[in-house]
């Protein structure tokens, strides 16, 4: 019997959730590449990924709309799990301990760092959407004066840089905590992983599974 077959697994994400996540992730990469090319001349060569600079400029806002829609599907799925509580504050105050591999607090489905990232990304997405629409020359820019468009572009760039930095941390954390990537690729985690990193969520899932078993 293989090691994988002996593992006791818990479903963390359904297929639809995982597909939605990777669509948003792909959109983010394309937007980050084209956005950096537009704002920084040294990266202008990156527009070649889209074929031509003109095509990159045309596609950028449309991809942005797709990412926004995808992200807010996630938002309405997960917002109720992302309110901070005292256990999250305890986790945040002990980040150094967590980085050493020792979990702190009775963590639910998401820890304090994940919740903070969730709200940071939400704020950045809202700013990017509003400023992106204002500066979308083909459709909306004509309705705004030039000073407003310039400010919109400035805030758009700032929000994008903050989001890029946040995503780098997000990816690093996913790689750092073994088993996290599997959750978003296969949709499952081991019971041992859940019990260690998200003990309150682990207990909730075990209780839910017991209730289903008794009902069957």
N, C-alpha and C. Protein backbone atom coordinates (compact mmCIF):
# COMPACT_ATOMS: atom_id res chain seq x y z
N UNK A 1 0.86 -1.19 0.00
CA UNK A 1 0.00 0.00 0.00
C UNK A 1 0.89 1.24 0.00
N UNK A 2 0.61 2.21 -0.87
CA UNK A 2 1.45 3.41 -0.99
C UNK A 2 1.22 4.35 0.17
N UNK A 3 2.18 5.24 0.33
CA UNK A 3 2.07 6.24 1.40
C UNK A 3 0.84 7.10 1.22
N UNK A 4 0.55 7.46 -0.09
CA UNK A 4 -0.58 8.33 -0.37
C UNK A 4 -1.90 7.69 0.05
N UNK A 5 -2.00 6.34 -0.16
CA UNK A 5 -3.25 5.67 0.16
C UNK A 5 -3.47 5.56 1.66
N UNK A 6 -2.39 5.63 2.43
CA UNK A 6 -2.51 5.55 3.89
C UNK A 6 -2.87 6.90 4.50
N UNK A 7 -2.68 7.98 3.77
CA UNK A 7 -2.94 9.30 4.30
C UNK A 7 -4.43 9.51 4.53
N UNK A 8 -4.75 10.11 5.65
CA UNK A 8 -6.14 10.51 5.91
C UNK A 8 -6.28 11.95 5.45
N UNK A 9 -7.14 12.16 4.47
CA UNK A 9 -7.24 13.46 3.81
C UNK A 9 -8.53 14.19 4.17
N UNK A 10 -8.47 15.51 4.07
CA UNK A 10 -9.63 16.38 4.24
C UNK A 10 -9.70 17.27 3.01
N UNK A 11 -10.90 17.44 2.48
CA UNK A 11 -11.04 18.36 1.34
C UNK A 11 -11.01 19.79 1.85
N UNK A 12 -10.12 20.58 1.24
CA UNK A 12 -10.02 21.99 1.62
C UNK A 12 -10.64 22.91 0.57
N UNK A 13 -10.49 22.55 -0.69
CA UNK A 13 -11.06 23.35 -1.78
C UNK A 13 -11.69 22.45 -2.82
N UNK A 14 -12.87 22.82 -3.27
CA UNK A 14 -13.55 22.08 -4.33
C UNK A 14 -12.95 22.46 -5.69
N UNK A 15 -13.29 21.67 -6.71
CA UNK A 15 -12.70 21.89 -8.03
C UNK A 15 -12.99 23.29 -8.55
N UNK A 16 -14.23 23.76 -8.40
CA UNK A 16 -14.59 25.09 -8.88
C UNK A 16 -13.77 26.18 -8.21
N UNK A 17 -13.52 26.02 -6.93
CA UNK A 17 -12.72 26.99 -6.19
C UNK A 17 -11.29 27.03 -6.71
N UNK A 18 -10.75 25.85 -7.01
CA UNK A 18 -9.36 25.77 -7.49
C UNK A 18 -9.23 26.36 -8.89
N UNK A 19 -10.19 26.04 -9.75
CA UNK A 19 -10.15 26.61 -11.11
C UNK A 19 -10.23 28.12 -11.05
N UNK A 20 -11.13 28.62 -10.21
CA UNK A 20 -11.28 30.08 -10.07
C UNK A 20 -9.98 30.72 -9.58
N UNK A 21 -9.33 30.07 -8.61
CA UNK A 21 -8.08 30.58 -8.06
C UNK A 21 -7.01 30.68 -9.15
N UNK A 22 -6.87 29.64 -9.96
CA UNK A 22 -5.82 29.64 -10.97
C UNK A 22 -6.12 30.58 -12.13
N UNK A 23 -7.40 30.81 -12.41
CA UNK A 23 -7.76 31.81 -13.43
C UNK A 23 -7.33 33.19 -12.95
N UNK A 24 -7.63 33.49 -11.68
CA UNK A 24 -7.23 34.78 -11.10
C UNK A 24 -5.71 34.90 -11.08
N UNK A 25 -5.03 33.82 -10.73
CA UNK A 25 -3.57 33.83 -10.68
C UNK A 25 -2.96 34.10 -12.05
N UNK A 26 -3.50 33.45 -13.08
CA UNK A 26 -3.00 33.65 -14.45
C UNK A 26 -3.23 35.10 -14.89
N UNK A 27 -4.41 35.62 -14.61
CA UNK A 27 -4.72 37.01 -14.95
C UNK A 27 -3.76 37.96 -14.25
N UNK A 28 -3.47 37.66 -12.97
CA UNK A 28 -2.56 38.52 -12.22
C UNK A 28 -1.18 38.55 -12.87
N UNK A 29 -0.66 37.40 -13.28
CA UNK A 29 0.66 37.34 -13.91
C UNK A 29 0.67 38.17 -15.20
N UNK A 30 -0.35 38.00 -16.03
CA UNK A 30 -0.42 38.75 -17.29
C UNK A 30 -0.53 40.25 -17.03
N UNK A 31 -1.30 40.63 -16.03
CA UNK A 31 -1.46 42.05 -15.71
C UNK A 31 -0.18 42.63 -15.11
N UNK A 32 0.48 41.86 -14.26
CA UNK A 32 1.72 42.35 -13.66
C UNK A 32 2.79 42.55 -14.73
N UNK A 33 2.88 41.61 -15.67
CA UNK A 33 3.86 41.70 -16.75
C UNK A 33 3.59 42.91 -17.63
N UNK A 34 2.35 43.05 -18.07
CA UNK A 34 2.03 44.17 -18.96
C UNK A 34 2.07 45.50 -18.22
N UNK A 35 1.63 45.50 -16.96
CA UNK A 35 1.65 46.74 -16.18
C UNK A 35 3.06 47.25 -15.94
N UNK A 36 3.96 46.35 -15.58
CA UNK A 36 5.36 46.75 -15.39
C UNK A 36 5.95 47.27 -16.69
N UNK A 37 5.57 46.67 -17.82
CA UNK A 37 6.07 47.11 -19.11
C UNK A 37 5.60 48.53 -19.44
N UNK A 38 4.37 48.85 -19.06
CA UNK A 38 3.82 50.18 -19.35
C UNK A 38 4.45 51.26 -18.48
N UNK A 39 4.68 50.93 -17.22
CA UNK A 39 5.12 51.96 -16.27
C UNK A 39 6.64 52.11 -16.18
N UNK A 40 7.37 51.08 -16.57
CA UNK A 40 8.83 51.14 -16.45
C UNK A 40 9.47 50.80 -17.80
N UNK A 41 10.08 51.80 -18.47
CA UNK A 41 10.68 51.58 -19.80
C UNK A 41 11.62 50.38 -19.87
N UNK A 42 12.34 50.10 -18.77
CA UNK A 42 13.30 48.99 -18.78
C UNK A 42 12.60 47.65 -18.99
N UNK A 43 11.29 47.59 -18.67
CA UNK A 43 10.55 46.35 -18.81
C UNK A 43 9.65 46.33 -20.04
N UNK A 44 9.79 47.32 -20.90
CA UNK A 44 8.87 47.43 -22.04
C UNK A 44 8.93 46.18 -22.94
N UNK A 45 10.07 45.53 -22.96
CA UNK A 45 10.22 44.33 -23.79
C UNK A 45 9.24 43.23 -23.40
N UNK A 46 8.72 43.30 -22.19
CA UNK A 46 7.77 42.28 -21.73
C UNK A 46 6.48 42.28 -22.54
N UNK A 47 6.18 43.40 -23.22
CA UNK A 47 4.95 43.45 -24.02
C UNK A 47 5.02 42.43 -25.16
N UNK A 48 6.22 41.96 -25.49
CA UNK A 48 6.37 40.96 -26.55
C UNK A 48 5.65 39.67 -26.23
N UNK A 49 5.39 39.42 -24.94
CA UNK A 49 4.66 38.22 -24.53
C UNK A 49 3.26 38.21 -25.14
N UNK A 50 2.71 39.40 -25.37
CA UNK A 50 1.36 39.53 -25.92
C UNK A 50 1.37 39.63 -27.45
N UNK A 51 2.54 39.66 -28.03
CA UNK A 51 2.65 39.79 -29.47
C UNK A 51 3.18 41.15 -29.87
N UNK A 52 2.45 42.21 -29.50
CA UNK A 52 2.86 43.58 -29.79
C UNK A 52 2.50 44.47 -28.60
N UNK A 53 3.16 45.63 -28.45
CA UNK A 53 2.81 46.56 -27.38
C UNK A 53 1.36 47.04 -27.49
N UNK A 54 0.89 47.23 -28.71
CA UNK A 54 -0.48 47.69 -28.92
C UNK A 54 -1.50 46.66 -28.42
N UNK A 55 -1.22 45.40 -28.72
CA UNK A 55 -2.13 44.34 -28.27
C UNK A 55 -2.09 44.20 -26.75
N UNK A 56 -0.92 44.38 -26.17
CA UNK A 56 -0.79 44.33 -24.70
C UNK A 56 -1.64 45.41 -24.06
N UNK A 57 -1.60 46.61 -24.63
CA UNK A 57 -2.37 47.73 -24.08
C UNK A 57 -3.87 47.49 -24.22
N UNK A 58 -4.28 46.88 -25.33
CA UNK A 58 -5.70 46.59 -25.54
C UNK A 58 -6.18 45.52 -24.56
N UNK A 59 -5.38 44.46 -24.39
CA UNK A 59 -5.80 43.33 -23.57
C UNK A 59 -5.74 43.60 -22.07
N UNK A 60 -4.81 44.44 -21.64
CA UNK A 60 -4.59 44.69 -20.22
C UNK A 60 -5.89 44.98 -19.45
N UNK A 61 -6.69 45.96 -19.86
CA UNK A 61 -7.90 46.24 -19.08
C UNK A 61 -8.94 45.13 -19.12
N UNK A 62 -9.04 44.43 -20.24
CA UNK A 62 -10.00 43.32 -20.32
C UNK A 62 -9.61 42.19 -19.39
N UNK A 63 -8.31 41.89 -19.35
CA UNK A 63 -7.83 40.86 -18.42
C UNK A 63 -8.07 41.32 -16.98
N UNK A 64 -7.93 42.63 -16.75
CA UNK A 64 -8.18 43.18 -15.43
C UNK A 64 -9.61 42.96 -14.99
N UNK A 65 -10.56 43.11 -15.89
CA UNK A 65 -11.97 42.88 -15.56
C UNK A 65 -12.20 41.41 -15.21
N UNK A 66 -11.57 40.51 -15.98
CA UNK A 66 -11.70 39.07 -15.69
C UNK A 66 -11.15 38.76 -14.30
N UNK A 67 -9.97 39.33 -13.98
CA UNK A 67 -9.38 39.09 -12.67
C UNK A 67 -10.27 39.63 -11.56
N UNK A 68 -10.81 40.82 -11.77
CA UNK A 68 -11.67 41.42 -10.75
C UNK A 68 -12.89 40.54 -10.49
N UNK A 69 -13.55 40.08 -11.55
CA UNK A 69 -14.73 39.23 -11.41
C UNK A 69 -14.36 37.93 -10.69
N UNK A 70 -13.24 37.31 -11.12
CA UNK A 70 -12.80 36.08 -10.49
C UNK A 70 -12.47 36.26 -9.03
N UNK A 71 -11.79 37.37 -8.70
CA UNK A 71 -11.43 37.60 -7.31
C UNK A 71 -12.66 37.80 -6.45
N UNK A 72 -13.64 38.53 -6.96
CA UNK A 72 -14.80 38.80 -6.11
C UNK A 72 -15.76 37.63 -6.02
N UNK A 73 -15.62 36.66 -6.91
CA UNK A 73 -16.30 35.38 -6.69
C UNK A 73 -15.67 34.73 -5.46
N UNK A 74 -14.32 34.79 -5.39
CA UNK A 74 -13.62 34.28 -4.22
C UNK A 74 -14.00 35.07 -2.97
N UNK A 75 -14.11 36.38 -3.12
CA UNK A 75 -14.43 37.24 -1.97
C UNK A 75 -15.75 36.80 -1.33
N UNK A 76 -16.77 36.60 -2.14
CA UNK A 76 -18.07 36.25 -1.59
C UNK A 76 -18.10 34.81 -1.05
N UNK A 77 -17.15 34.01 -1.48
CA UNK A 77 -17.03 32.66 -0.93
C UNK A 77 -16.38 32.67 0.45
N UNK A 78 -15.37 33.53 0.62
CA UNK A 78 -14.48 33.42 1.78
C UNK A 78 -14.55 34.56 2.80
N UNK A 79 -15.27 35.63 2.52
CA UNK A 79 -15.22 36.79 3.41
C UNK A 79 -15.60 36.44 4.86
N UNK A 80 -16.55 35.52 5.01
CA UNK A 80 -17.01 35.19 6.36
C UNK A 80 -15.96 34.45 7.18
N UNK A 81 -14.93 33.90 6.52
CA UNK A 81 -13.87 33.20 7.23
C UNK A 81 -12.68 34.11 7.57
N UNK A 82 -12.78 35.38 7.17
CA UNK A 82 -11.61 36.25 7.25
C UNK A 82 -11.72 37.42 8.20
N UNK A 83 -12.62 37.34 9.15
CA UNK A 83 -12.68 38.36 10.19
C UNK A 83 -11.69 38.00 11.29
N UNK A 84 -10.90 38.98 11.71
CA UNK A 84 -9.88 38.74 12.73
C UNK A 84 -10.50 38.49 14.10
N UNK A 85 -9.92 37.57 14.85
CA UNK A 85 -10.34 37.34 16.23
C UNK A 85 -9.09 37.31 17.12
N UNK A 86 -9.28 37.06 18.39
CA UNK A 86 -8.16 37.11 19.34
C UNK A 86 -7.09 36.07 19.02
N UNK A 87 -7.48 34.93 18.46
CA UNK A 87 -6.50 33.90 18.12
C UNK A 87 -5.62 34.37 16.95
N UNK A 88 -6.19 35.16 16.05
CA UNK A 88 -5.41 35.70 14.93
C UNK A 88 -4.40 36.74 15.41
N UNK A 89 -4.83 37.54 16.39
CA UNK A 89 -3.92 38.53 16.96
C UNK A 89 -2.74 37.82 17.64
N UNK A 90 -3.06 36.74 18.34
CA UNK A 90 -2.02 35.94 18.99
C UNK A 90 -1.05 35.38 17.95
N UNK A 91 -1.60 34.92 16.82
CA UNK A 91 -0.78 34.38 15.74
C UNK A 91 0.13 35.46 15.17
N UNK A 92 -0.43 36.64 14.93
CA UNK A 92 0.34 37.74 14.34
C UNK A 92 1.49 38.18 15.24
N UNK A 93 1.25 38.13 16.55
CA UNK A 93 2.28 38.55 17.50
C UNK A 93 3.39 37.51 17.63
N UNK A 94 3.15 36.33 17.08
CA UNK A 94 4.13 35.25 17.21
C UNK A 94 4.64 34.77 15.86
N UNK A 95 4.71 35.68 14.88
CA UNK A 95 5.13 35.31 13.53
C UNK A 95 6.52 34.65 13.53
N UNK A 96 7.44 35.16 14.34
CA UNK A 96 8.79 34.59 14.39
C UNK A 96 8.73 33.13 14.82
N UNK A 97 7.88 32.84 15.78
CA UNK A 97 7.72 31.46 16.24
C UNK A 97 7.12 30.59 15.13
N UNK A 98 6.13 31.15 14.42
CA UNK A 98 5.48 30.43 13.33
C UNK A 98 6.48 30.11 12.23
N UNK A 99 7.35 31.08 11.92
CA UNK A 99 8.35 30.88 10.86
C UNK A 99 9.34 29.77 11.21
N UNK A 100 9.47 29.48 12.50
CA UNK A 100 10.35 28.40 12.93
C UNK A 100 9.66 27.04 12.89
N UNK A 101 8.37 27.06 12.45
CA UNK A 101 7.65 25.80 12.30
C UNK A 101 6.75 25.44 13.45
N UNK A 102 6.57 26.37 14.40
CA UNK A 102 5.72 26.11 15.57
C UNK A 102 4.46 26.96 15.47
N UNK A 103 3.32 26.31 15.29
CA UNK A 103 2.07 27.06 15.16
C UNK A 103 1.62 27.61 16.51
N UNK A 104 0.93 28.76 16.45
CA UNK A 104 0.48 29.44 17.66
C UNK A 104 -1.01 29.74 17.54
N UNK A 105 -1.74 29.50 18.60
CA UNK A 105 -3.16 29.85 18.63
C UNK A 105 -4.07 28.77 18.06
N UNK A 106 -5.35 28.92 18.37
CA UNK A 106 -6.37 27.98 17.88
C UNK A 106 -6.91 28.52 16.56
N UNK A 107 -6.15 28.29 15.49
CA UNK A 107 -6.42 28.88 14.18
C UNK A 107 -7.58 28.17 13.48
N UNK A 108 -8.45 28.98 12.85
CA UNK A 108 -9.56 28.45 12.08
C UNK A 108 -9.14 28.13 10.66
N UNK A 109 -10.04 28.31 9.70
CA UNK A 109 -9.72 27.95 8.31
C UNK A 109 -8.55 28.76 7.77
N UNK A 110 -8.44 30.02 8.22
CA UNK A 110 -7.32 30.86 7.80
C UNK A 110 -6.66 31.50 9.02
N UNK A 111 -5.34 31.66 8.95
CA UNK A 111 -4.63 32.30 10.06
C UNK A 111 -4.61 33.81 9.90
N UNK A 112 -4.02 34.50 10.86
CA UNK A 112 -4.00 35.96 10.84
C UNK A 112 -3.32 36.53 9.62
N UNK A 113 -2.24 35.90 9.19
CA UNK A 113 -1.53 36.38 8.01
C UNK A 113 -2.36 36.24 6.76
N UNK A 114 -3.05 35.12 6.61
CA UNK A 114 -3.90 34.89 5.45
C UNK A 114 -5.08 35.86 5.43
N UNK A 115 -5.62 36.14 6.61
CA UNK A 115 -6.73 37.08 6.68
C UNK A 115 -6.29 38.50 6.33
N UNK A 116 -5.11 38.88 6.84
CA UNK A 116 -4.58 40.19 6.49
C UNK A 116 -4.35 40.31 5.00
N UNK A 117 -3.82 39.26 4.39
CA UNK A 117 -3.58 39.25 2.94
C UNK A 117 -4.89 39.34 2.17
N UNK A 118 -5.91 38.67 2.67
CA UNK A 118 -7.23 38.70 2.03
C UNK A 118 -7.76 40.12 1.93
N UNK A 119 -7.70 40.86 3.04
CA UNK A 119 -8.24 42.22 3.04
C UNK A 119 -7.34 43.18 2.29
N UNK A 120 -6.03 42.95 2.32
CA UNK A 120 -5.11 43.77 1.52
C UNK A 120 -5.42 43.60 0.04
N UNK A 121 -5.59 42.37 -0.39
CA UNK A 121 -5.89 42.10 -1.80
C UNK A 121 -7.24 42.69 -2.19
N UNK A 122 -8.20 42.60 -1.29
CA UNK A 122 -9.53 43.16 -1.58
C UNK A 122 -9.44 44.66 -1.79
N UNK A 123 -8.73 45.36 -0.90
CA UNK A 123 -8.57 46.80 -1.03
C UNK A 123 -7.86 47.18 -2.32
N UNK A 124 -6.80 46.47 -2.64
CA UNK A 124 -6.04 46.75 -3.87
C UNK A 124 -6.91 46.51 -5.10
N UNK A 125 -7.70 45.45 -5.08
CA UNK A 125 -8.55 45.15 -6.22
C UNK A 125 -9.57 46.25 -6.46
N UNK A 126 -10.15 46.77 -5.40
CA UNK A 126 -11.14 47.86 -5.54
C UNK A 126 -10.48 49.10 -6.13
N UNK A 127 -9.30 49.46 -5.61
CA UNK A 127 -8.58 50.63 -6.12
C UNK A 127 -8.20 50.42 -7.58
N UNK A 128 -7.71 49.24 -7.91
CA UNK A 128 -7.31 48.95 -9.29
C UNK A 128 -8.51 49.02 -10.25
N UNK A 129 -9.66 48.52 -9.80
CA UNK A 129 -10.83 48.55 -10.66
C UNK A 129 -11.28 49.99 -10.93
N UNK A 130 -11.43 50.77 -9.86
CA UNK A 130 -11.92 52.15 -10.00
C UNK A 130 -10.95 52.98 -10.84
N UNK A 131 -9.67 52.93 -10.49
CA UNK A 131 -8.68 53.74 -11.22
C UNK A 131 -8.49 53.23 -12.64
N UNK A 132 -8.62 51.92 -12.83
CA UNK A 132 -8.49 51.35 -14.16
C UNK A 132 -9.62 51.80 -15.08
N UNK A 133 -10.83 51.83 -14.55
CA UNK A 133 -11.97 52.30 -15.35
C UNK A 133 -11.82 53.77 -15.72
N UNK A 134 -11.37 54.57 -14.77
CA UNK A 134 -11.20 56.00 -15.02
C UNK A 134 -10.19 56.25 -16.15
N UNK A 135 -9.13 55.45 -16.16
CA UNK A 135 -8.06 55.66 -17.14
C UNK A 135 -8.18 54.78 -18.39
N UNK A 136 -9.29 54.05 -18.52
CA UNK A 136 -9.50 53.18 -19.70
C UNK A 136 -9.91 54.05 -20.88
N UNK A 137 -8.93 54.45 -21.66
CA UNK A 137 -9.10 55.48 -22.68
C UNK A 137 -10.17 55.14 -23.71
N UNK A 138 -10.25 53.87 -24.10
CA UNK A 138 -11.18 53.50 -25.17
C UNK A 138 -12.65 53.66 -24.78
N UNK A 139 -12.95 53.64 -23.46
CA UNK A 139 -14.35 53.63 -23.05
C UNK A 139 -14.74 54.71 -22.04
N UNK A 140 -13.89 54.99 -21.05
CA UNK A 140 -14.33 55.84 -19.95
C UNK A 140 -13.51 57.11 -19.74
N UNK A 141 -12.27 57.14 -20.20
CA UNK A 141 -11.38 58.26 -19.90
C UNK A 141 -11.93 59.60 -20.38
N UNK A 142 -12.70 59.61 -21.46
CA UNK A 142 -13.22 60.86 -22.01
C UNK A 142 -14.20 61.56 -21.06
N UNK A 143 -14.70 60.82 -20.08
CA UNK A 143 -15.66 61.40 -19.13
C UNK A 143 -14.98 62.06 -17.93
N UNK A 144 -13.64 62.01 -17.88
CA UNK A 144 -12.92 62.55 -16.73
C UNK A 144 -11.87 63.57 -17.19
N UNK A 145 -11.65 64.61 -16.39
CA UNK A 145 -10.61 65.59 -16.75
C UNK A 145 -9.21 64.98 -16.63
N UNK A 146 -8.26 65.54 -17.34
CA UNK A 146 -6.89 65.02 -17.36
C UNK A 146 -6.29 64.89 -15.96
N UNK A 147 -6.44 65.90 -15.06
CA UNK A 147 -5.85 65.76 -13.71
C UNK A 147 -6.37 64.53 -12.96
N UNK A 148 -7.65 64.22 -13.14
CA UNK A 148 -8.24 63.06 -12.47
C UNK A 148 -7.65 61.77 -13.04
N UNK A 149 -7.48 61.73 -14.36
CA UNK A 149 -6.89 60.55 -15.00
C UNK A 149 -5.44 60.35 -14.53
N UNK A 150 -4.70 61.44 -14.39
CA UNK A 150 -3.32 61.33 -13.93
C UNK A 150 -3.27 60.78 -12.52
N UNK A 151 -4.16 61.28 -11.65
CA UNK A 151 -4.20 60.76 -10.28
C UNK A 151 -4.62 59.28 -10.27
N UNK A 152 -5.56 58.94 -11.14
CA UNK A 152 -6.01 57.56 -11.23
C UNK A 152 -4.86 56.64 -11.62
N UNK A 153 -4.07 57.07 -12.58
CA UNK A 153 -2.92 56.27 -13.01
C UNK A 153 -1.89 56.12 -11.90
N UNK A 154 -1.71 57.20 -11.12
CA UNK A 154 -0.77 57.14 -10.01
C UNK A 154 -1.23 56.13 -8.96
N UNK A 155 -2.50 56.23 -8.56
CA UNK A 155 -3.02 55.30 -7.55
C UNK A 155 -3.10 53.88 -8.09
N UNK A 156 -3.34 53.76 -9.39
CA UNK A 156 -3.37 52.45 -10.03
C UNK A 156 -2.00 51.78 -9.89
N UNK A 157 -0.96 52.55 -10.16
CA UNK A 157 0.41 52.02 -10.07
C UNK A 157 0.76 51.66 -8.64
N UNK A 158 0.40 52.51 -7.68
CA UNK A 158 0.69 52.22 -6.28
C UNK A 158 -0.01 50.95 -5.82
N UNK A 159 -1.31 50.84 -6.14
CA UNK A 159 -2.08 49.66 -5.74
C UNK A 159 -1.50 48.40 -6.37
N UNK A 160 -1.06 48.53 -7.63
CA UNK A 160 -0.47 47.38 -8.32
C UNK A 160 0.82 46.92 -7.65
N UNK A 161 1.65 47.87 -7.26
CA UNK A 161 2.91 47.52 -6.61
C UNK A 161 2.67 46.87 -5.25
N UNK A 162 1.71 47.39 -4.50
CA UNK A 162 1.36 46.80 -3.21
C UNK A 162 0.84 45.38 -3.41
N UNK A 163 -0.01 45.21 -4.42
CA UNK A 163 -0.57 43.88 -4.69
C UNK A 163 0.51 42.90 -5.13
N UNK A 164 1.44 43.35 -5.97
CA UNK A 164 2.54 42.49 -6.42
C UNK A 164 3.37 42.04 -5.21
N UNK A 165 3.68 43.00 -4.32
CA UNK A 165 4.44 42.67 -3.12
C UNK A 165 3.68 41.66 -2.25
N UNK A 166 2.36 41.89 -2.13
CA UNK A 166 1.54 40.98 -1.34
C UNK A 166 1.49 39.58 -1.92
N UNK A 167 1.39 39.48 -3.24
CA UNK A 167 1.34 38.18 -3.90
C UNK A 167 2.68 37.44 -3.75
N UNK A 168 3.78 38.19 -3.78
CA UNK A 168 5.09 37.57 -3.57
C UNK A 168 5.14 36.92 -2.19
N UNK A 169 4.65 37.64 -1.18
CA UNK A 169 4.59 37.09 0.18
C UNK A 169 3.65 35.87 0.21
N UNK A 170 2.53 35.99 -0.46
CA UNK A 170 1.54 34.91 -0.52
C UNK A 170 2.15 33.63 -1.11
N UNK A 171 2.87 33.79 -2.21
CA UNK A 171 3.50 32.63 -2.87
C UNK A 171 4.60 32.05 -1.99
N UNK A 172 5.38 32.94 -1.38
CA UNK A 172 6.46 32.48 -0.50
C UNK A 172 5.90 31.66 0.67
N UNK A 173 4.81 32.15 1.26
CA UNK A 173 4.20 31.46 2.39
C UNK A 173 3.66 30.09 1.95
N UNK A 174 3.08 30.04 0.74
CA UNK A 174 2.55 28.78 0.24
C UNK A 174 3.66 27.75 0.02
N UNK A 175 4.82 28.23 -0.43
CA UNK A 175 5.96 27.33 -0.64
C UNK A 175 6.61 26.94 0.69
N UNK A 176 6.59 27.88 1.64
CA UNK A 176 7.24 27.67 2.94
C UNK A 176 6.51 26.59 3.74
N UNK A 177 5.18 26.64 3.74
CA UNK A 177 4.39 25.68 4.52
C UNK A 177 4.08 24.47 3.64
N UNK A 178 4.79 23.40 3.85
CA UNK A 178 4.63 22.19 3.04
C UNK A 178 3.20 21.66 3.12
N UNK A 179 2.62 21.40 1.97
CA UNK A 179 1.25 20.89 1.93
C UNK A 179 0.25 21.91 1.46
N UNK A 180 0.65 23.19 1.49
CA UNK A 180 -0.27 24.26 1.10
C UNK A 180 -0.55 24.23 -0.40
N UNK A 181 0.49 24.03 -1.20
CA UNK A 181 0.32 23.99 -2.66
C UNK A 181 -0.62 22.84 -3.05
N UNK A 182 -0.46 21.72 -2.37
CA UNK A 182 -1.31 20.57 -2.66
C UNK A 182 -2.78 20.90 -2.47
N UNK A 183 -3.08 21.73 -1.48
CA UNK A 183 -4.47 22.10 -1.21
C UNK A 183 -5.10 22.81 -2.41
N UNK A 184 -4.32 23.65 -3.10
CA UNK A 184 -4.88 24.39 -4.23
C UNK A 184 -4.70 23.66 -5.56
N UNK A 185 -3.90 22.61 -5.59
CA UNK A 185 -3.73 21.82 -6.82
C UNK A 185 -4.67 20.61 -6.80
N UNK A 186 -4.64 19.86 -5.69
CA UNK A 186 -5.46 18.65 -5.59
C UNK A 186 -6.74 18.87 -4.80
N UNK A 187 -6.76 19.95 -4.00
CA UNK A 187 -7.96 20.26 -3.24
C UNK A 187 -8.02 19.61 -1.87
N UNK A 188 -6.97 18.85 -1.50
CA UNK A 188 -6.99 18.14 -0.22
C UNK A 188 -5.73 18.43 0.60
N UNK A 189 -5.86 18.21 1.91
CA UNK A 189 -4.72 18.27 2.83
C UNK A 189 -4.83 17.06 3.75
N UNK A 190 -3.72 16.70 4.36
CA UNK A 190 -3.77 15.59 5.31
C UNK A 190 -4.38 16.07 6.62
N UNK A 191 -4.95 15.15 7.36
CA UNK A 191 -5.50 15.50 8.67
C UNK A 191 -4.41 16.03 9.59
N UNK A 192 -3.22 15.47 9.47
CA UNK A 192 -2.10 15.93 10.30
C UNK A 192 -1.76 17.38 9.99
N UNK A 193 -1.77 17.74 8.70
CA UNK A 193 -1.49 19.12 8.29
C UNK A 193 -2.56 20.06 8.85
N UNK A 194 -3.81 19.67 8.70
CA UNK A 194 -4.91 20.50 9.19
C UNK A 194 -4.85 20.68 10.70
N UNK A 195 -4.56 19.60 11.40
CA UNK A 195 -4.51 19.65 12.86
C UNK A 195 -3.38 20.54 13.35
N UNK A 196 -2.26 20.55 12.61
CA UNK A 196 -1.12 21.37 13.01
C UNK A 196 -1.30 22.84 12.69
N UNK A 197 -1.75 23.15 11.47
CA UNK A 197 -1.79 24.53 11.01
C UNK A 197 -3.13 25.23 11.24
N UNK A 198 -4.22 24.45 11.26
CA UNK A 198 -5.55 25.05 11.41
C UNK A 198 -6.40 24.17 12.34
N UNK A 199 -6.00 24.08 13.61
CA UNK A 199 -6.65 23.14 14.53
C UNK A 199 -8.15 23.34 14.72
N UNK A 200 -8.59 24.58 14.79
CA UNK A 200 -10.04 24.81 14.97
C UNK A 200 -10.81 24.35 13.74
N UNK A 201 -10.28 24.65 12.55
CA UNK A 201 -10.91 24.20 11.31
C UNK A 201 -10.89 22.68 11.23
N UNK A 202 -9.81 22.07 11.69
CA UNK A 202 -9.70 20.61 11.70
C UNK A 202 -10.81 20.00 12.54
N UNK A 203 -11.04 20.56 13.74
CA UNK A 203 -12.08 20.02 14.61
C UNK A 203 -13.47 20.20 13.98
N UNK A 204 -13.67 21.35 13.34
CA UNK A 204 -14.96 21.61 12.68
C UNK A 204 -15.21 20.61 11.56
N UNK A 205 -14.17 20.33 10.78
CA UNK A 205 -14.31 19.38 9.67
C UNK A 205 -14.54 17.97 10.17
N UNK A 206 -13.85 17.59 11.25
CA UNK A 206 -14.03 16.25 11.81
C UNK A 206 -15.46 16.09 12.35
N UNK A 207 -15.96 17.12 12.98
CA UNK A 207 -17.32 17.08 13.51
C UNK A 207 -18.33 17.00 12.37
N UNK A 208 -18.06 17.76 11.31
CA UNK A 208 -18.94 17.76 10.13
C UNK A 208 -18.95 16.38 9.47
N UNK A 209 -17.77 15.78 9.35
CA UNK A 209 -17.67 14.44 8.75
C UNK A 209 -18.37 13.38 9.60
N UNK A 210 -18.26 13.53 10.94
CA UNK A 210 -18.93 12.60 11.84
C UNK A 210 -20.44 12.69 11.69
N UNK A 211 -20.91 13.94 11.60
CA UNK A 211 -22.35 14.16 11.45
C UNK A 211 -22.87 13.55 10.15
N UNK A 212 -22.11 13.67 9.08
CA UNK A 212 -22.51 13.08 7.79
C UNK A 212 -22.53 11.57 7.87
N UNK A 213 -21.52 11.01 8.57
CA UNK A 213 -21.42 9.55 8.70
C UNK A 213 -22.62 8.99 9.48
N UNK A 214 -22.99 9.69 10.56
CA UNK A 214 -24.12 9.25 11.38
C UNK A 214 -25.44 9.34 10.61
N UNK A 215 -25.53 10.40 9.75
CA UNK A 215 -26.74 10.60 8.96
C UNK A 215 -26.89 9.49 7.92
N UNK A 216 -25.75 9.08 7.33
CA UNK A 216 -25.77 8.01 6.32
C UNK A 216 -26.08 6.64 6.97
